[in-house]
């Protein structure tokens, strides 16, 4: 599963960098869909996170912990 998300007040590319500092691989941008991003009023794009069979529960938990901490700022 792949999801795209935003956190109000946070630039998606900055979030991707922070997650990378925590050794969490994600991407950010418009993903070659600028028309959709514009229609969704996401001028800075979104953060994209993929979770598949090779991700461990601990990796998913760590990702959610970092995102929760960032969202609280």
N, C-alpha and C. Protein backbone atom coordinates (compact mmCIF):
# COMPACT_ATOMS: atom_id res chain seq x y z
N UNK A 1 0.85 -1.18 0.00
CA UNK A 1 0.00 0.00 0.00
C UNK A 1 0.89 1.23 0.00
N UNK A 2 0.48 2.20 -0.75
CA UNK A 2 1.16 3.49 -0.79
C UNK A 2 0.16 4.56 -0.45
N UNK A 3 0.56 5.47 0.41
CA UNK A 3 -0.34 6.57 0.75
C UNK A 3 0.40 7.89 0.60
N UNK A 4 -0.35 8.91 0.29
CA UNK A 4 0.17 10.27 0.22
C UNK A 4 -0.52 11.07 1.31
N UNK A 5 0.28 11.87 2.02
CA UNK A 5 -0.30 12.64 3.10
C UNK A 5 0.41 13.96 3.26
N UNK A 6 -0.22 14.85 3.99
CA UNK A 6 0.38 16.12 4.37
C UNK A 6 0.15 16.33 5.85
N UNK A 7 1.01 17.12 6.45
CA UNK A 7 0.82 17.56 7.83
C UNK A 7 0.72 19.07 7.78
N UNK A 8 -0.41 19.64 8.22
CA UNK A 8 -0.56 21.09 8.18
C UNK A 8 0.62 21.80 8.83
N UNK A 9 1.11 22.82 8.13
CA UNK A 9 2.22 23.59 8.65
C UNK A 9 3.59 23.01 8.39
N UNK A 10 3.65 21.89 7.68
CA UNK A 10 4.92 21.22 7.39
C UNK A 10 5.07 21.02 5.89
N UNK A 11 6.22 21.40 5.36
CA UNK A 11 6.52 21.18 3.95
C UNK A 11 6.85 19.69 3.74
N UNK A 12 6.22 19.06 2.75
CA UNK A 12 6.46 17.64 2.51
C UNK A 12 7.92 17.28 2.28
N UNK A 13 8.66 18.12 1.57
CA UNK A 13 10.07 17.81 1.33
C UNK A 13 10.89 17.89 2.61
N UNK A 14 10.55 18.85 3.46
CA UNK A 14 11.22 18.95 4.76
C UNK A 14 10.91 17.72 5.61
N UNK A 15 9.65 17.30 5.59
CA UNK A 15 9.27 16.09 6.33
C UNK A 15 10.05 14.88 5.83
N UNK A 16 10.19 14.77 4.52
CA UNK A 16 10.94 13.64 3.96
C UNK A 16 12.38 13.66 4.45
N UNK A 17 12.97 14.84 4.55
CA UNK A 17 14.33 14.96 5.06
C UNK A 17 14.44 14.56 6.52
N UNK A 18 13.47 14.98 7.32
CA UNK A 18 13.46 14.62 8.74
C UNK A 18 13.31 13.11 8.90
N UNK A 19 12.40 12.53 8.13
CA UNK A 19 12.22 11.08 8.19
C UNK A 19 13.49 10.36 7.74
N UNK A 20 14.15 10.89 6.73
CA UNK A 20 15.42 10.29 6.28
C UNK A 20 16.46 10.33 7.40
N UNK A 21 16.47 11.41 8.18
CA UNK A 21 17.38 11.49 9.33
C UNK A 21 17.11 10.38 10.34
N UNK A 22 15.86 9.89 10.34
CA UNK A 22 15.48 8.78 11.23
C UNK A 22 15.57 7.43 10.52
N UNK A 23 16.23 7.43 9.35
CA UNK A 23 16.42 6.22 8.54
C UNK A 23 15.09 5.63 8.08
N UNK A 24 14.17 6.52 7.71
CA UNK A 24 12.88 6.13 7.18
C UNK A 24 12.83 6.66 5.75
N UNK A 25 12.70 5.76 4.78
CA UNK A 25 12.73 6.14 3.38
C UNK A 25 11.32 6.46 2.87
N UNK A 26 11.13 7.71 2.49
CA UNK A 26 9.88 8.18 1.89
C UNK A 26 10.25 9.12 0.75
N UNK A 27 9.27 9.57 0.01
CA UNK A 27 9.51 10.57 -1.02
C UNK A 27 8.50 11.69 -0.86
N UNK A 28 8.77 12.79 -1.52
CA UNK A 28 7.87 13.94 -1.47
C UNK A 28 7.87 14.64 -2.82
N UNK A 29 6.76 15.27 -3.14
CA UNK A 29 6.66 16.00 -4.39
C UNK A 29 5.27 15.89 -4.98
N UNK A 30 5.19 16.13 -6.29
CA UNK A 30 3.88 16.05 -6.95
C UNK A 30 3.70 14.73 -7.70
N UNK A 31 4.76 13.92 -7.75
CA UNK A 31 4.71 12.57 -8.31
C UNK A 31 4.16 12.55 -9.74
N UNK A 32 4.59 13.56 -10.50
CA UNK A 32 4.21 13.69 -11.91
C UNK A 32 2.70 13.85 -12.08
N UNK A 33 2.06 14.41 -11.06
CA UNK A 33 0.62 14.65 -11.11
C UNK A 33 0.30 16.08 -10.64
N UNK A 34 0.90 17.08 -11.30
CA UNK A 34 0.69 18.46 -10.84
C UNK A 34 -0.76 18.92 -10.94
N UNK A 35 -1.50 18.41 -11.90
CA UNK A 35 -2.90 18.82 -12.03
C UNK A 35 -3.72 18.35 -10.84
N UNK A 36 -3.49 17.13 -10.41
CA UNK A 36 -4.21 16.60 -9.25
C UNK A 36 -3.79 17.35 -8.00
N UNK A 37 -2.49 17.57 -7.83
CA UNK A 37 -2.02 18.30 -6.65
C UNK A 37 -2.61 19.70 -6.61
N UNK A 38 -2.68 20.33 -7.75
CA UNK A 38 -3.28 21.67 -7.83
C UNK A 38 -4.76 21.61 -7.47
N UNK A 39 -5.48 20.63 -8.00
CA UNK A 39 -6.91 20.49 -7.71
C UNK A 39 -7.14 20.24 -6.23
N UNK A 40 -6.20 19.58 -5.57
CA UNK A 40 -6.30 19.31 -4.14
C UNK A 40 -5.71 20.44 -3.30
N UNK A 41 -5.27 21.50 -3.98
CA UNK A 41 -4.68 22.67 -3.33
C UNK A 41 -3.42 22.28 -2.54
N UNK A 42 -2.64 21.39 -3.10
CA UNK A 42 -1.39 20.95 -2.49
C UNK A 42 -0.23 21.49 -3.31
N UNK A 43 0.00 22.81 -3.22
CA UNK A 43 1.01 23.45 -4.06
C UNK A 43 2.42 22.92 -3.80
N UNK A 44 2.66 22.40 -2.59
CA UNK A 44 3.97 21.84 -2.27
C UNK A 44 4.01 20.32 -2.43
N UNK A 45 2.93 19.74 -2.92
CA UNK A 45 2.88 18.30 -3.11
C UNK A 45 2.50 17.58 -1.83
N UNK A 46 2.96 16.36 -1.71
CA UNK A 46 2.60 15.52 -0.57
C UNK A 46 3.78 14.62 -0.21
N UNK A 47 3.68 14.02 0.94
CA UNK A 47 4.64 13.02 1.39
C UNK A 47 4.09 11.66 1.00
N UNK A 48 4.92 10.82 0.41
CA UNK A 48 4.45 9.50 -0.02
C UNK A 48 5.18 8.43 0.77
N UNK A 49 4.39 7.55 1.38
CA UNK A 49 4.93 6.47 2.19
C UNK A 49 4.39 5.14 1.66
N UNK A 50 5.29 4.21 1.43
CA UNK A 50 4.89 2.88 0.99
C UNK A 50 5.12 1.87 2.10
N UNK A 51 4.14 1.05 2.33
CA UNK A 51 4.25 -0.02 3.33
C UNK A 51 3.89 -1.33 2.63
N UNK A 52 4.87 -2.23 2.59
CA UNK A 52 4.66 -3.50 1.89
C UNK A 52 5.08 -4.67 2.76
N UNK A 53 5.03 -5.83 2.19
CA UNK A 53 5.30 -7.06 2.92
C UNK A 53 6.69 -7.12 3.54
N UNK A 54 7.64 -6.35 3.02
CA UNK A 54 8.99 -6.40 3.56
C UNK A 54 9.23 -5.42 4.70
N UNK A 55 8.24 -4.57 5.02
CA UNK A 55 8.36 -3.68 6.17
C UNK A 55 8.00 -4.43 7.45
N UNK A 56 8.78 -4.17 8.48
CA UNK A 56 8.50 -4.81 9.76
C UNK A 56 7.51 -3.96 10.57
N UNK A 57 6.88 -4.59 11.55
CA UNK A 57 6.00 -3.84 12.45
C UNK A 57 6.76 -2.72 13.14
N UNK A 58 8.00 -2.98 13.51
CA UNK A 58 8.82 -1.96 14.19
C UNK A 58 9.08 -0.76 13.28
N UNK A 59 9.29 -0.99 11.99
CA UNK A 59 9.50 0.11 11.05
C UNK A 59 8.24 0.96 10.91
N UNK A 60 7.12 0.30 10.83
CA UNK A 60 5.85 1.03 10.72
C UNK A 60 5.60 1.82 12.00
N UNK A 61 5.83 1.20 13.15
CA UNK A 61 5.65 1.90 14.42
C UNK A 61 6.57 3.11 14.53
N UNK A 62 7.82 2.97 14.11
CA UNK A 62 8.78 4.08 14.17
C UNK A 62 8.34 5.22 13.26
N UNK A 63 7.85 4.89 12.08
CA UNK A 63 7.36 5.91 11.15
C UNK A 63 6.19 6.67 11.78
N UNK A 64 5.26 5.95 12.35
CA UNK A 64 4.10 6.59 12.97
C UNK A 64 4.51 7.43 14.18
N UNK A 65 5.48 6.97 14.94
CA UNK A 65 5.96 7.74 16.09
C UNK A 65 6.57 9.06 15.65
N UNK A 66 7.41 9.02 14.62
CA UNK A 66 8.05 10.25 14.13
C UNK A 66 6.98 11.20 13.58
N UNK A 67 6.06 10.69 12.78
CA UNK A 67 4.99 11.53 12.23
C UNK A 67 4.12 12.13 13.33
N UNK A 68 3.82 11.36 14.35
CA UNK A 68 3.02 11.86 15.47
C UNK A 68 3.76 12.99 16.19
N UNK A 69 5.04 12.81 16.41
CA UNK A 69 5.84 13.85 17.06
C UNK A 69 5.86 15.12 16.20
N UNK A 70 6.05 14.96 14.91
CA UNK A 70 6.08 16.12 14.01
C UNK A 70 4.73 16.82 13.96
N UNK A 71 3.66 16.06 13.95
CA UNK A 71 2.31 16.63 13.89
C UNK A 71 1.99 17.45 15.14
N UNK A 72 2.60 17.08 16.26
CA UNK A 72 2.34 17.78 17.51
C UNK A 72 3.07 19.13 17.58
N UNK A 73 4.02 19.35 16.71
CA UNK A 73 4.79 20.61 16.72
C UNK A 73 3.99 21.74 16.13
